[in-house]
Each structure stands twice: as C-alpha cells, then as structure tokens.
Protein backbone atom coordinates (compact mmCIF):
# COMPACT_ATOMS: atom_id res chain seq x y z
CA MET A 1 89.40 84.62 108.05
CA PRO A 2 86.08 86.10 107.07
CA ASP A 3 86.09 89.36 105.18
CA GLY A 4 84.39 91.05 107.81
CA ASP A 5 87.23 90.22 110.38
CA ILE A 6 89.87 91.61 108.08
CA GLU A 7 91.99 94.30 109.75
CA ARG A 8 92.45 96.51 106.72
CA ARG A 9 95.48 98.98 106.57
CA TRP A 10 96.60 100.71 103.64
CA TRP A 11 100.26 99.62 104.12
CA LYS A 12 99.20 95.82 104.25
CA GLU A 13 97.67 96.47 100.72
CA SER A 14 100.50 98.56 99.34
CA VAL A 15 103.65 97.59 97.38
CA VAL A 16 106.83 99.55 98.44
CA TYR A 17 109.56 100.49 95.92
CA GLN A 18 112.88 101.29 97.41
CA VAL A 19 115.08 104.08 96.01
CA TYR A 20 118.65 104.26 96.69
CA PRO A 21 119.22 107.87 95.55
CA ARG A 22 122.84 107.68 94.86
CA SER A 23 122.47 105.03 92.13
CA PHE A 24 118.94 106.07 90.97
CA ASN A 25 119.11 108.84 88.19
CA ASP A 26 121.54 111.58 87.92
CA THR A 27 120.31 115.09 86.50
CA ASP A 28 123.56 117.22 87.05
CA GLY A 29 126.19 115.08 85.59
CA ASP A 30 128.25 114.70 88.53
CA GLY A 31 127.90 110.83 88.46
CA VAL A 32 125.85 110.72 91.64
CA GLY A 33 122.11 110.13 91.59
CA ASP A 34 119.95 113.13 92.99
CA ILE A 35 116.45 114.10 94.17
CA PRO A 36 115.70 116.08 90.88
CA GLY A 37 116.46 112.58 88.99
CA ILE A 38 113.87 110.81 91.25
CA VAL A 39 111.21 113.56 90.59
CA GLU A 40 112.06 113.09 86.67
CA LYS A 41 111.28 109.14 87.12
CA VAL A 42 108.05 109.60 89.38
CA ASP A 43 105.98 108.73 86.14
CA TYR A 44 107.96 105.60 85.76
CA LEU A 45 106.97 104.59 89.37
CA ASP A 46 103.63 105.47 88.80
CA ASP A 47 103.33 103.33 85.57
CA LEU A 48 104.82 100.35 87.37
CA GLY A 49 102.04 100.65 89.91
CA VAL A 50 103.73 100.93 93.39
CA ASP A 51 102.07 102.54 96.21
CA VAL A 52 105.00 103.81 98.52
CA VAL A 53 108.37 105.02 97.97
CA TRP A 54 111.10 104.23 100.61
CA LEU A 55 113.81 106.97 100.01
CA ASN A 56 117.16 105.84 101.67
CA PRO A 57 118.89 108.79 103.53
CA VAL A 58 119.27 112.23 101.73
CA TYR A 59 119.91 114.02 104.79
CA ASP A 60 123.18 116.11 105.00
CA SER A 61 126.15 113.68 105.63
CA PRO A 62 129.87 113.34 105.21
CA ASN A 63 129.01 109.90 103.38
CA ALA A 64 131.32 107.79 105.59
CA ASP A 65 128.56 105.19 105.02
CA ASN A 66 126.67 106.56 102.06
CA GLY A 67 124.20 108.71 104.11
CA TYR A 68 123.89 106.60 107.13
CA ASP A 69 125.94 108.59 108.91
CA ILE A 70 123.72 111.94 109.47
CA ALA A 71 125.31 115.22 110.34
CA ASP A 72 121.85 117.26 110.09
CA TYR A 73 118.62 115.53 110.28
CA ARG A 74 116.82 118.71 108.86
CA SER A 75 119.07 119.51 106.00
CA ILE A 76 119.34 117.60 102.42
CA MET A 77 122.83 116.58 101.17
CA ASP A 78 124.18 119.00 98.62
CA GLU A 79 125.04 115.99 96.37
CA PHE A 80 121.13 115.27 96.28
CA GLY A 81 119.85 118.67 96.03
CA THR A 82 118.09 120.95 98.25
CA MET A 83 115.06 120.98 100.59
CA ALA A 84 112.80 122.62 97.76
CA ASP A 85 113.78 119.64 95.54
CA TRP A 86 112.67 117.08 98.30
CA GLU A 87 109.33 119.00 98.81
CA GLU A 88 108.81 118.72 95.06
CA LEU A 89 109.35 115.07 95.15
CA LEU A 90 106.66 114.66 98.05
CA ASP A 91 104.27 116.72 96.03
CA GLU A 92 104.72 114.69 92.82
CA LEU A 93 104.37 111.56 94.55
CA HIS A 94 101.25 112.55 96.65
CA SER A 95 99.81 114.12 93.48
CA ARG A 96 99.76 110.25 92.09
CA ASP A 97 98.63 108.83 95.30
CA ILE A 98 102.08 107.52 96.11
CA LYS A 99 103.32 107.84 99.56
CA LEU A 100 106.66 108.32 100.86
CA ILE A 101 108.52 107.03 104.00
CA MET A 102 112.07 108.12 105.03
CA ASP A 103 114.96 106.25 106.51
CA LEU A 104 115.22 107.03 110.38
CA VAL A 105 118.87 106.51 111.55
CA VAL A 106 118.89 106.98 115.34
CA ASN A 107 121.06 104.58 116.64
CA HIS A 108 123.97 106.53 115.69
CA THR A 109 125.07 109.98 114.01
CA SER A 110 127.75 111.27 112.26
CA ASP A 111 130.74 112.32 114.40
CA GLU A 112 130.23 115.65 112.66
CA HIS A 113 126.73 116.13 113.96
CA GLU A 114 126.51 119.19 116.37
CA TRP A 115 125.71 116.85 119.01
CA PHE A 116 128.74 114.95 118.86
CA VAL A 117 130.93 117.93 118.36
CA ASP A 118 129.56 119.45 121.53
CA SER A 119 129.84 116.14 123.36
CA ARG A 120 133.37 115.57 122.64
CA ALA A 121 133.90 119.28 123.65
CA GLY A 122 132.31 118.14 127.28
CA ASP A 123 129.46 120.57 126.90
CA PRO A 124 127.20 119.85 129.77
CA GLU A 125 124.23 119.84 127.78
CA TYR A 126 125.43 117.12 125.39
CA GLU A 127 128.26 115.14 127.01
CA ASP A 128 126.03 112.15 127.79
CA PHE A 129 124.30 112.20 124.34
CA TYR A 130 126.67 109.51 123.28
CA ILE A 131 128.34 106.32 124.98
CA TRP A 132 131.64 107.38 126.49
CA ARG A 133 133.92 105.21 128.61
CA ASP A 134 137.31 105.33 129.91
CA GLY A 135 139.81 102.70 128.79
CA ARG A 136 141.23 99.73 130.53
CA ASP A 137 144.87 98.82 131.59
CA ALA A 138 146.23 96.84 128.52
CA ASP A 139 148.09 94.65 130.60
CA GLU A 140 145.05 93.47 132.50
CA VAL A 141 142.62 92.51 129.71
CA SER A 142 142.66 89.97 126.99
CA TRP A 143 141.74 92.03 123.86
CA SER A 144 144.13 94.10 121.87
CA ALA A 145 144.42 97.63 122.38
CA THR A 146 144.11 99.89 119.42
CA GLU A 147 145.05 103.40 118.58
CA GLY A 148 144.65 105.52 122.09
CA PRO A 149 147.03 106.10 124.94
CA ALA A 150 149.95 103.83 125.60
CA GLY A 151 149.13 100.60 127.57
CA GLU A 152 145.50 101.40 127.36
CA ALA A 153 142.85 99.07 125.81
CA PRO A 154 139.21 99.83 124.78
CA PRO A 155 136.39 99.52 127.51
CA ASN A 156 135.63 95.89 126.31
CA ALA A 157 136.28 93.55 123.31
CA TRP A 158 133.25 94.40 121.46
CA LYS A 159 133.72 94.34 117.58
CA SER A 160 132.34 96.82 114.88
CA TYR A 161 129.87 95.38 112.23
CA PHE A 162 132.37 97.00 109.89
CA GLY A 163 135.16 95.03 111.45
CA GLY A 164 137.86 96.34 114.02
CA PRO A 165 137.07 97.36 117.58
CA ALA A 166 133.58 98.93 118.39
CA TRP A 167 135.43 101.74 120.33
CA ALA A 168 137.59 104.84 119.24
CA TYR A 169 139.68 106.95 121.30
CA ASP A 170 138.94 110.57 121.00
CA GLU A 171 141.85 112.78 122.17
CA GLU A 172 139.83 115.99 122.70
CA ARG A 173 137.65 114.45 125.23
CA GLU A 174 140.23 112.01 126.40
CA ALA A 175 137.86 108.90 126.40
CA TRP A 176 136.60 106.21 124.23
CA TYR A 177 133.38 106.10 122.42
CA LEU A 178 131.25 103.48 121.18
CA HIS A 179 130.54 102.82 117.44
CA LEU A 180 128.93 99.70 116.24
CA PHE A 181 129.41 100.70 112.72
CA ASP A 182 131.99 103.02 111.29
CA VAL A 183 134.46 105.17 113.40
CA LYS A 184 132.47 108.08 112.02
CA GLN A 185 129.05 106.67 113.34
CA PRO A 186 129.20 107.13 117.25
CA ASP A 187 126.30 105.42 118.80
CA LEU A 188 123.73 107.76 120.75
CA ASN A 189 122.92 107.24 124.22
CA TRP A 190 119.14 106.34 124.36
CA GLU A 191 119.37 106.07 128.22
CA ASN A 192 119.55 109.92 128.22
CA PRO A 193 115.88 111.22 127.97
CA ARG A 194 117.12 114.39 126.16
CA VAL A 195 118.45 112.24 123.49
CA ARG A 196 114.76 110.73 123.14
CA ASP A 197 113.24 113.97 123.23
CA GLU A 198 115.47 115.38 120.25
CA VAL A 199 114.71 112.14 118.23
CA PHE A 200 111.13 112.47 118.66
CA GLU A 201 110.85 116.07 118.20
CA MET A 202 112.91 115.59 114.96
CA MET A 203 110.33 112.74 113.80
CA GLU A 204 107.42 114.91 114.34
CA TRP A 205 109.20 117.73 112.23
CA TRP A 206 109.06 115.16 109.26
CA PHE A 207 105.51 113.99 109.70
CA ASP A 208 104.64 117.66 109.96
CA LYS A 209 106.32 118.05 106.45
CA GLY A 210 103.86 115.43 105.17
CA ILE A 211 105.77 112.10 105.21
CA ASP A 212 103.94 108.93 105.59
CA GLY A 213 106.15 106.82 107.78
CA PHE A 214 109.80 105.63 108.52
CA ARG A 215 111.97 102.82 107.76
CA MET A 216 113.72 102.69 111.16
CA ASP A 217 117.48 101.74 110.59
CA VAL A 218 118.90 98.92 113.03
CA ILE A 219 116.30 100.01 115.62
CA ASN A 220 116.77 97.05 117.80
CA LEU A 221 120.22 98.09 118.75
CA ILE A 222 119.26 101.44 120.43
CA SER A 223 119.40 99.79 123.93
CA LYS A 224 122.70 98.62 125.12
CA PRO A 225 123.05 95.89 127.88
CA GLU A 226 123.60 97.62 131.33
CA GLY A 227 127.16 98.08 132.14
CA LEU A 228 128.48 97.25 128.50
CA PRO A 229 129.62 93.61 129.92
CA ASN A 230 132.44 91.56 128.32
CA ASP A 231 131.40 88.15 129.50
CA PRO A 232 132.11 85.89 126.77
CA ASP A 233 129.12 84.02 127.61
CA ASP A 234 126.73 87.06 127.60
CA PRO A 235 124.55 86.80 124.44
CA PHE A 236 125.51 90.41 123.80
CA CYS A 237 129.15 89.70 123.72
CA GLY A 238 131.31 86.81 122.48
CA ALA A 239 131.57 86.98 118.75
CA MET A 240 129.60 90.47 118.97
CA THR A 241 126.69 89.85 116.89
CA GLY A 242 125.50 92.93 118.27
CA PRO A 243 123.52 94.12 121.29
CA THR A 244 120.27 93.46 119.62
CA ASN A 245 116.93 93.65 121.49
CA GLY A 246 118.52 95.20 124.66
CA PRO A 247 117.02 95.35 128.29
CA ARG A 248 115.17 98.86 127.64
CA VAL A 249 114.45 98.54 123.72
CA HIS A 250 110.74 97.79 124.20
CA GLU A 251 110.34 100.68 126.72
CA PHE A 252 112.24 103.31 124.28
CA LEU A 253 109.97 102.23 121.35
CA ALA A 254 106.77 102.25 123.47
CA GLU A 255 107.69 105.82 124.40
CA MET A 256 108.15 106.66 120.43
CA ASN A 257 104.66 104.94 119.89
CA GLU A 258 103.05 106.80 122.61
CA ARG A 259 104.40 110.34 121.87
CA VAL A 260 104.90 110.01 117.95
CA LEU A 261 103.46 107.37 115.83
CA ASP A 262 100.14 106.72 114.56
CA ARG A 263 98.73 103.36 113.10
CA GLU A 264 98.04 105.05 109.96
CA TYR A 265 101.65 105.64 109.44
CA LEU A 266 104.03 102.99 107.89
CA THR A 267 106.92 102.04 110.32
CA VAL A 268 109.25 99.13 109.53
CA GLY A 269 111.94 98.44 112.00
CA GLU A 270 115.25 96.80 110.81
CA MET A 271 116.07 94.17 113.17
CA LEU A 272 119.71 92.84 113.14
CA GLY A 273 120.73 89.60 114.52
CA PRO A 274 120.61 85.97 113.27
CA GLU A 275 117.19 85.05 114.68
CA ILE A 276 114.63 87.60 116.26
CA PRO A 277 112.71 85.77 119.14
CA MET A 278 109.35 85.72 118.04
CA GLU A 279 108.10 87.09 121.44
CA HIS A 280 110.08 90.24 120.54
CA ALA A 281 108.81 90.40 117.22
CA ARG A 282 105.26 90.51 118.49
CA ARG A 283 105.87 93.20 121.02
CA TYR A 284 107.79 95.23 118.31
CA LEU A 285 104.44 95.05 116.34
CA ASP A 286 101.79 95.37 119.04
CA PRO A 287 99.92 98.57 118.86
CA ASP A 288 99.60 98.84 122.56
CA GLU A 289 103.43 98.41 123.10
CA ASP A 290 105.90 99.45 120.38
CA GLY A 291 103.57 99.90 117.66
CA LEU A 292 105.39 99.20 114.55
CA SER A 293 103.73 98.19 111.29
CA MET A 294 106.38 95.44 110.36
CA LEU A 295 109.87 94.45 110.59
CA PHE A 296 112.94 93.59 108.44
CA HIS A 297 114.72 90.34 109.64
CA PHE A 298 117.62 89.04 108.38
CA GLU A 299 117.22 85.39 108.78
CA HIS A 300 116.81 84.54 105.24
CA MET A 301 119.59 86.82 104.41
CA LEU A 302 122.13 84.83 106.44
CA LEU A 303 121.53 81.17 105.00
CA ASP A 304 124.31 81.74 102.69
CA ARG A 305 126.72 84.09 104.47
CA GLY A 306 129.61 83.18 106.41
CA ASP A 307 130.87 85.01 109.34
CA ASN A 308 132.99 87.37 106.87
CA ILE A 309 132.58 89.06 103.79
CA TRP A 310 134.86 86.56 102.16
CA GLU A 311 132.95 83.46 103.28
CA ARG A 312 129.85 81.64 101.74
CA ASP A 313 127.67 78.97 103.10
CA GLU A 314 125.50 76.37 101.09
CA TRP A 315 121.63 77.03 101.25
CA ALA A 316 118.71 74.82 100.38
CA LEU A 317 115.33 75.84 99.25
CA SER A 318 113.75 74.10 102.28
CA ASP A 319 115.85 76.25 104.63
CA LEU A 320 114.48 79.52 102.99
CA LYS A 321 111.03 77.97 103.00
CA ALA A 322 111.47 77.34 106.76
CA VAL A 323 112.38 81.02 107.52
CA PHE A 324 109.37 82.34 105.73
CA ASN A 325 107.11 79.74 107.21
CA ARG A 326 108.22 80.41 110.71
CA TRP A 327 107.50 84.19 110.39
CA ASP A 328 104.20 83.61 108.70
CA ASP A 329 103.05 81.17 111.54
CA GLY A 330 104.58 83.56 114.10
CA LEU A 331 102.80 86.54 112.87
CA LYS A 332 99.49 85.13 111.62
CA THR A 333 97.44 86.34 114.44
CA GLU A 334 99.43 89.22 115.80
CA GLY A 335 101.52 91.62 113.58
CA TRP A 336 102.38 91.66 109.79
CA ASN A 337 105.35 90.61 107.78
CA SER A 338 107.38 92.47 105.28
CA LEU A 339 108.75 90.50 102.26
CA TYR A 340 111.83 91.12 100.61
CA LEU A 341 114.95 89.22 98.96
CA ASN A 342 117.31 92.14 98.18
CA ASN A 343 117.71 95.72 99.28
CA HIS A 344 120.58 98.36 99.39
CA ASP A 345 122.46 96.15 101.77
CA GLN A 346 121.99 92.74 100.01
CA PRO A 347 123.19 91.29 96.75
CA ARG A 348 120.88 91.03 93.86
CA MET A 349 118.23 88.59 94.35
CA VAL A 350 118.29 87.00 90.89
CA SER A 351 121.89 86.40 91.30
CA ARG A 352 121.52 85.01 94.74
CA PHE A 353 118.43 82.90 94.77
CA GLY A 354 117.88 82.59 91.14
CA ASN A 355 119.64 81.93 87.86
CA ASP A 356 121.41 84.87 86.59
CA GLY A 357 122.41 83.18 83.38
CA GLU A 358 120.32 81.14 81.06
CA TYR A 359 116.97 81.67 83.24
CA ARG A 360 117.60 85.28 84.32
CA ARG A 361 114.29 86.25 83.23
CA GLU A 362 112.39 83.41 84.25
CA SER A 363 113.73 83.36 87.72
CA ALA A 364 113.50 86.93 88.23
CA LYS A 365 109.79 86.64 87.50
CA LEU A 366 109.29 83.41 89.66
CA LEU A 367 111.16 85.25 92.69
CA GLY A 368 108.90 88.40 92.18
CA THR A 369 105.67 85.87 92.11
CA LEU A 370 106.99 84.48 95.59
CA LEU A 371 107.37 87.79 97.12
CA HIS A 372 104.01 89.33 95.82
CA THR A 373 101.91 86.23 96.61
CA LEU A 374 103.12 85.61 100.19
CA ARG A 375 101.20 87.07 103.07
CA GLY A 376 102.74 90.41 103.90
CA THR A 377 103.79 93.54 102.18
CA PRO A 378 106.22 93.34 99.28
CA TYR A 379 109.12 95.52 98.91
CA ILE A 380 110.81 96.14 95.41
CA TYR A 381 114.41 97.17 95.43
CA GLN A 382 115.39 99.59 92.29
CA GLY A 383 116.21 97.53 89.27
CA GLU A 384 114.65 94.47 90.80
CA GLU A 385 111.64 94.88 88.35
CA LEU A 386 114.12 94.64 85.34
CA GLY A 387 115.86 91.60 86.63
CA MET A 388 119.21 93.36 87.47
CA THR A 389 122.18 91.23 88.23
CA ASN A 390 125.30 91.24 90.40
CA TYR A 391 128.33 93.06 89.14
CA PRO A 392 131.42 91.30 88.12
CA PHE A 393 134.03 93.00 90.27
CA GLU A 394 137.39 92.38 89.30
CA SER A 395 139.52 94.12 91.79
CA LEU A 396 139.24 95.97 95.19
CA ASP A 397 139.37 98.97 93.26
CA ASP A 398 135.99 98.40 91.79
CA PHE A 399 134.36 98.57 95.36
CA ARG A 400 132.96 101.40 97.24
CA ASP A 401 131.38 99.83 100.30
CA VAL A 402 133.03 100.31 103.63
CA ASP A 403 131.51 97.04 104.65
CA THR A 404 133.20 95.24 101.78
CA LEU A 405 136.69 97.25 101.82
CA ARG A 406 137.41 97.66 105.58
CA PRO A 407 136.88 93.99 106.71
CA LEU A 408 138.71 92.66 103.70
CA GLU A 409 141.58 95.06 104.02
CA ASN A 410 141.89 94.23 107.74
CA ALA A 411 141.88 90.58 107.09
CA ILE A 412 144.60 90.72 104.46
CA GLU A 413 146.90 93.17 106.53
CA ALA A 414 146.51 90.65 109.41
CA GLY A 415 147.41 87.68 107.34
CA GLU A 416 143.74 85.95 107.62
CA VAL A 417 143.23 86.19 103.93
CA ASP A 418 146.09 86.04 101.26
CA SER A 419 144.55 88.48 98.67
CA PHE A 420 141.53 89.61 97.21
CA ASP A 421 142.10 87.19 94.11
CA ALA A 422 142.01 84.38 96.87
CA VAL A 423 138.36 85.13 97.79
CA LYS A 424 137.09 87.02 94.85
CA GLU A 425 134.11 84.60 94.02
CA ALA A 426 132.72 84.91 97.68
CA VAL A 427 133.38 88.67 98.16
CA ARG A 428 131.76 89.39 94.62
CA ALA A 429 128.63 87.37 95.73
CA ASN A 430 128.37 89.02 99.15
CA SER A 431 129.02 92.78 98.83
CA ARG A 432 126.60 95.47 99.11
CA ASP A 433 127.88 97.19 96.03
CA ASN A 434 126.02 94.68 93.86
CA ALA A 435 122.80 96.24 94.90
CA ARG A 436 124.24 99.91 94.49
CA THR A 437 125.36 99.83 90.90
CA PRO A 438 123.19 102.42 88.70
CA VAL A 439 119.86 101.70 87.57
CA GLN A 440 120.22 100.59 83.95
CA TRP A 441 117.75 103.31 82.06
CA SER A 442 118.93 102.14 78.55
CA ALA A 443 121.60 100.70 76.73
CA GLY A 444 123.35 104.11 76.06
CA PRO A 445 126.58 105.10 77.75
CA ASN A 446 126.45 104.61 81.62
CA ALA A 447 123.08 103.04 81.02
CA GLY A 448 121.63 106.45 81.07
CA PHE A 449 122.05 106.93 84.46
CA THR A 450 124.47 110.09 83.98
CA ASP A 451 126.15 112.16 81.67
CA GLY A 452 129.25 112.27 83.92
CA GLU A 453 131.50 109.47 85.46
CA PRO A 454 129.34 107.28 87.77
CA TRP A 455 130.31 106.94 91.16
CA LEU A 456 130.05 103.28 90.86
CA GLY A 457 130.58 101.17 87.94
CA VAL A 458 127.74 100.21 85.48
CA ASN A 459 126.92 96.62 85.07
CA PRO A 460 128.28 95.58 81.58
CA ASN A 461 124.98 93.75 80.88
CA LYS A 462 123.21 97.17 80.61
CA GLY A 463 122.67 96.28 76.82
CA GLU A 464 120.34 93.47 77.44
CA VAL A 465 118.96 94.46 80.89
CA ASN A 466 117.58 98.20 80.93
CA VAL A 467 114.38 99.99 81.21
CA GLU A 468 113.78 100.87 77.61
CA THR A 469 114.31 97.20 76.57
CA GLU A 470 112.11 95.66 79.25
CA ARG A 471 109.07 98.29 78.44
CA ALA A 472 109.32 97.57 74.91
CA ASP A 473 108.80 93.70 75.26
CA GLU A 474 105.43 92.78 76.50
CA ASP A 475 107.07 89.45 77.90
CA SER A 476 109.75 91.33 80.03
CA VAL A 477 110.24 91.14 83.97
CA TRP A 478 109.02 94.89 84.19
CA HIS A 479 105.91 94.04 82.65
CA TYR A 480 105.35 90.73 84.71
CA TYR A 481 105.77 92.94 87.81
CA ARG A 482 103.03 95.48 86.66
CA ASP A 483 100.89 92.27 86.37
CA LEU A 484 101.75 91.13 89.88
CA ILE A 485 101.19 94.56 91.44
CA SER A 486 97.75 94.36 89.70
CA LEU A 487 96.89 91.05 90.87
CA ARG A 488 97.44 92.17 94.76
CA LYS A 489 95.16 94.99 94.18
CA GLU A 490 92.45 92.74 92.44
CA TYR A 491 92.33 89.89 94.94
CA ASP A 492 91.90 90.44 98.62
CA VAL A 493 93.16 86.85 98.94
CA VAL A 494 96.72 87.72 97.78
CA VAL A 495 96.94 90.19 100.64
CA TYR A 496 94.88 88.74 103.45
CA GLY A 497 94.62 85.04 102.77
CA GLU A 498 95.61 82.22 105.05
CA TYR A 499 99.02 80.76 103.92
CA ASP A 500 99.24 76.86 103.93
CA PRO A 501 102.69 75.58 102.68
CA LEU A 502 102.80 72.27 100.70
CA PHE A 503 105.97 69.94 100.48
CA PRO A 504 107.88 72.04 103.20
CA ASP A 505 110.87 69.65 102.93
CA ASP A 506 111.11 69.85 98.99
CA ASP A 507 114.21 71.37 97.84
CA THR A 508 113.08 71.95 94.09
CA VAL A 509 109.56 73.03 94.54
CA TRP A 510 107.82 75.66 96.60
CA ALA A 511 104.10 75.29 96.49
CA TYR A 512 101.35 76.81 98.59
CA THR A 513 97.79 77.96 98.77
CA ARG A 514 96.19 81.32 100.12
CA THR A 515 92.61 81.18 101.25
CA LEU A 516 90.28 83.65 102.35
CA SER A 517 86.60 83.10 103.73
CA THR A 518 84.19 85.63 102.41
CA THR A 519 80.43 86.01 102.71
CA ASP A 520 80.37 84.75 99.06
CA GLY A 521 82.30 81.72 99.79
CA ASP A 522 86.12 80.97 99.93
CA GLU A 523 88.66 82.54 97.58
CA ARG A 524 91.51 80.21 97.03
CA LEU A 525 94.91 80.57 95.21
CA LEU A 526 97.47 77.77 94.34
CA VAL A 527 101.06 78.83 93.92
CA ALA A 528 103.57 76.65 92.41
CA LEU A 529 107.26 77.55 92.02
CA ASN A 530 110.01 75.41 90.41
CA PHE A 531 113.39 76.62 91.83
CA SER A 532 115.45 74.53 89.39
CA ASP A 533 117.06 74.38 85.92
CA ASP A 534 115.09 71.21 85.20
CA ASP A 535 111.58 70.06 84.53
CA VAL A 536 109.80 68.73 87.47
CA ALA A 537 106.45 66.93 88.07
CA VAL A 538 104.34 68.05 91.04
CA GLY A 539 101.75 65.61 92.34
CA LEU A 540 99.06 67.86 94.07
CA PRO A 541 97.06 66.63 97.16
CA ASP A 542 93.59 65.78 96.41
CA ASP A 543 92.08 68.99 98.06
CA VAL A 544 94.23 71.32 95.85
CA THR A 545 92.94 70.09 92.48
CA SER A 546 90.18 71.90 90.66
CA ASP A 547 88.03 71.32 87.58
CA GLU A 548 87.35 74.86 87.25
CA GLY A 549 90.48 76.67 88.18
CA ALA A 550 92.14 79.18 85.94
CA LEU A 551 95.93 80.21 85.52
CA LEU A 552 96.05 83.97 86.83
CA ILE A 553 99.52 84.63 86.06
CA GLY A 554 102.47 82.44 84.85
CA ASN A 555 106.08 83.43 83.85
CA TYR A 556 106.29 81.59 80.45
CA PRO A 557 104.98 83.19 77.44
CA ALA A 558 101.24 82.17 76.70
CA ASP A 559 102.02 80.59 73.38
CA GLY A 560 104.35 78.12 74.99
CA ASP A 561 102.19 77.16 78.01
CA PRO A 562 100.95 73.54 78.12
CA ASP A 563 97.41 72.81 79.18
CA VAL A 564 97.93 74.24 82.62
CA VAL A 565 94.17 74.01 83.38
CA SER A 566 93.91 70.31 82.56
CA GLU A 567 97.23 69.54 84.55
CA LEU A 568 95.50 71.18 87.78
CA ALA A 569 92.22 69.27 87.21
CA ALA A 570 94.46 66.08 87.07
CA GLY A 571 96.45 67.24 90.14
CA ASP A 572 99.67 66.68 88.20
CA LEU A 573 101.64 69.78 87.15
CA ARG A 574 104.62 69.73 84.73
CA LEU A 575 106.75 72.94 85.70
CA ARG A 576 109.66 73.97 83.36
CA PRO A 577 112.66 75.49 84.76
CA TRP A 578 112.05 78.22 86.89
CA GLU A 579 108.46 78.25 86.15
CA ALA A 580 105.92 80.04 88.30
CA ARG A 581 102.23 79.70 88.05
CA VAL A 582 99.30 81.10 90.36
CA TYR A 583 95.94 79.47 89.85
CA ASP A 584 92.61 80.67 91.05
CA LEU A 585 91.19 77.38 92.28
CA ARG A 586 87.32 78.62 92.45
C-alpha cells in the first residue's frame, strides 16, 4: 500500500492498556483497587509509553459480576471512589496525551437498576425495557423446570453463559425474564426504541464528559431471534452458544453509529461466539453501516477450551496462526484488527501460550513481539508487561469469579463432576480469576497492591515478578515492552504494512514479513518466533534474505546473540528456545 493511500487513524497507531480497577492499585486499604490508585500510577503508564487506557466498569454496581452488572450508568461505585476522582483520572491521562475509553455494558443491566425495578413493578413506561415471557406447562416441554410456580417451566431451554437456565421467575411481576449471564443481569429489550434512546443518551453524556471511546461488552448479543425460538436446529438454540449476530443487530448498531458515534472515537465491539462470519465482521466495521473501529473476537481464545470450565482441548501453533491469518486476510481491505492474547476474562497469556517456568521471560517477550508486530491495534492487559502468570489455585475457596464457581458447583451438585480436585488442573488453567489477581508492584506485603486484605489472592511469585524488579533490570519484560511500543511509533510498516505469513503449517516457528510501499521505496520487516523449548533452524525463502539487514529487536541479551545479521544474509536462522527476532530487511 503506497504511503499516500494509508487511511491513518490515531487508534490504528495506538497501543491500548487495559486497567481492571479492582486489581490495579488500592489506596484506601480496603483490599480493592480504586480510581485514586490508577491516578497514582498514571506516570507509570506514561513511562511505559501507552496511548490509550481502557477502563473496565467503574459504574455503581452490586458486583454480582464484578461491575458488569450496572445499577447506575452515571454514578461511580463507592468502592472505586467518586465522580471527582474519575474526572481527575481523565484530566491526568489527557494531560499526558493518553486517551481514555470506558466499558459500555448495554446488553443487560443489574436487577437493581431503576429501569428493572420499575419494569418488574409493571410501570407502563418501563414494563417492556426487558425481555419478559410467560412460562410453559412443564408437562408439555422437554426441558427441566427451575424455581418458579409449581408445574411451570421457563419459556424455552436456553442456558446462561454462567451455567443454569437463562430465565429467572420474578414473583412480583409473575413472569420470567431473560438473563444470558447472571440472574442479577437481566437482558435489555433492544426492540423497544425507548431503550435505545436511553442508551444513546447515556453514551452522549459520557462523550460530553470527554472520553475517547467505548469498549462494547457482548455487543453482538443485543438483538435476540424473533420469537425466542427453541428449535434444536436453530443456530441460536441447541447447545446455546448465545443469540449472536441477531436479526436486527446491524440495524441497532447502524442507528447508534448515526446518532452517537464518530470515526474519531475508538469503539471496539466484543463479539461472543466461536466464529464470527467475516461478512458480519465487515458490516460491524463499515463506517457507512455499524461504524465500529475494531472487534474483539474469541476464535483464538477457544482453541484450548472445552465446553465447560473444567475441560481443556489441545491446541497447535498452526491453529493459532490460522485464526490470525483468517482475520488479517478478511479485514485487510475493509476493517481493522484488535490484537490480544489475554484480558480480564482470559488466563494469563504466558501461562497459556508460552512457558511460565524456565522460559517465562523469553516467552513473555516473544508473545509481546507477536502482538506488537502483527497488523492491528495491540492491547496490553495489566501485568502482561511484567510477564505475570496464572495463580496456583488450591481450592474453590481461592476463587471469586462467578463464571468459575457457579458452573462447577452446579456440575458437582448434579454429579457431572466428582469434586474440584478431580478437575483442578483444567479449572486452574481456565479461570478468569487468573487475570484478576492484584498487580504485583513490589516484592513487599501483598505485592504493594494494598495495605489491607486483598479481595483476591496475590500470586506467590511476586518476589520474582514485580514492577520494582522489572524496572531495575534493563533486560526485563517491562523494558522490552517499552521498546516494542517505541518500534511501532518509529516504523509505519509495523502499523500499516502488508502481512505475509511464512510456513503456515509449521507448529514450532511463526514467521512473517510486513511490507509497506512508500515514495522512498519499500519498507520491509521479517519477524521470526520460535514457540518451543528447543533450538530450531529456519531456512528462509530467497526473497526474504538480506545482505544489508539489521536486527531491530530481539528477546535475548545482546551479549548472547549469535551473528544474527550474517544468518539473515545466509537465509539460515538459528533460533534459541522462545527466541523472537525482528529484522529490518532494507
């Protein structure tokens, strides 16, 4: 792509840092992170070099799902601070040219939101704000009844993502309401135009306060299939992977785009489901249709996951490549990719896709290299820049996550699982709580996160993995991340260059080139990554070798590097365990 044809957007050239406030930094000693704690660390984020902070929900909430059950969209949760604290955070970030995006959670609210309180009471203005249905005769259906009137079953057999039925009976209204997630998270009825009006007005309110965009939680669930069918052959039903990409989802988002959004905002839509059809993805991203900046999909996050929290599948590097390659190819001319390997809903990437033992540091750097040199916008999840690892959970008492506890407790009660110990290794590997352990600021008590009792356990490896240690070591993961971020800012080819994968079926080496045609000639990079504990030899195609190439960044100490330039000229790389190299091919 000639440089004159580049469609430059600030959010394409940015690096986003995700803050999960509950686990970031606590200033009042209650064991829960807070907004003043983020303010206290703004210079840390600035030193790292990030451009955007994505802030997980800080709205008023009873915390059935750690803030994703919102009771008031225009108030701050007391545990996190005040609106004045939030405004100070925005000012401190903006004064350092760091933008702020908020979480938009509008598939559902808390059952303590005033809309739901009025809806369950039958208030005519709000009775249709949520999805209410009458139950079915339990003798006439094939699905099990749950708590409700005797002899009555839920409207259909849909299951919640958190386990159990997706319907709850409300005694006050004497009807069933839909909740695709927790029972305290009733789904909004987007078919009601007044719901859309309220949501769009709320979004405008936050934009008026100065935010720079939204990350949109499970946004492809907002349109439900007409009639809420229960045909096992219907793609919305059966195993209930969720009513994704419903019949009016693009209509609803196009209306949002027309009434609220602006291409200068960063809007990233979370897309549930095992595979998002590319024709849907392009519509979500088309500025003349839904107008989102980018998507979070889950295809790579499902490679090693079974159907349940206690089940694991094997994954191969070629499978991971195939997902990234599909998305790069699908959006290369229409749309833009987001790049991530962990977040608040996923285990730590170095434990999942790397080696969190002997090669923790090397593999953390390698995975960072991958995310920062593919085409798309990289997202850093807090602690990733330190190489933080999964937590060694020993009992159910160690967990806090409803998405871990509820399905497993239900399975144990139903006899599907004998005990936690019987499935401990898989649950430990899969749980969202791995990502939610406190950030390790120091080797001191509670890793410097809090002076109180932390809401979730601190990883025992805090003595080795912490900010103080990382910043004092020039060869640390943290300093390497700074260099990666600087590389993106220095080279347009890293952001806008064409991506051409090499050896797509190789399950050890991930290698690719990035090429950008400019008025001064082609800029071209080679990225070579060894995803193994062994030394490997990589024979390069003739058109990838270079006599004048230079190593831009590598994850092994400089004093231990082989003659990497001569290897490139010979077309025969020798990569050490978990080694990453980025060459300028010149």
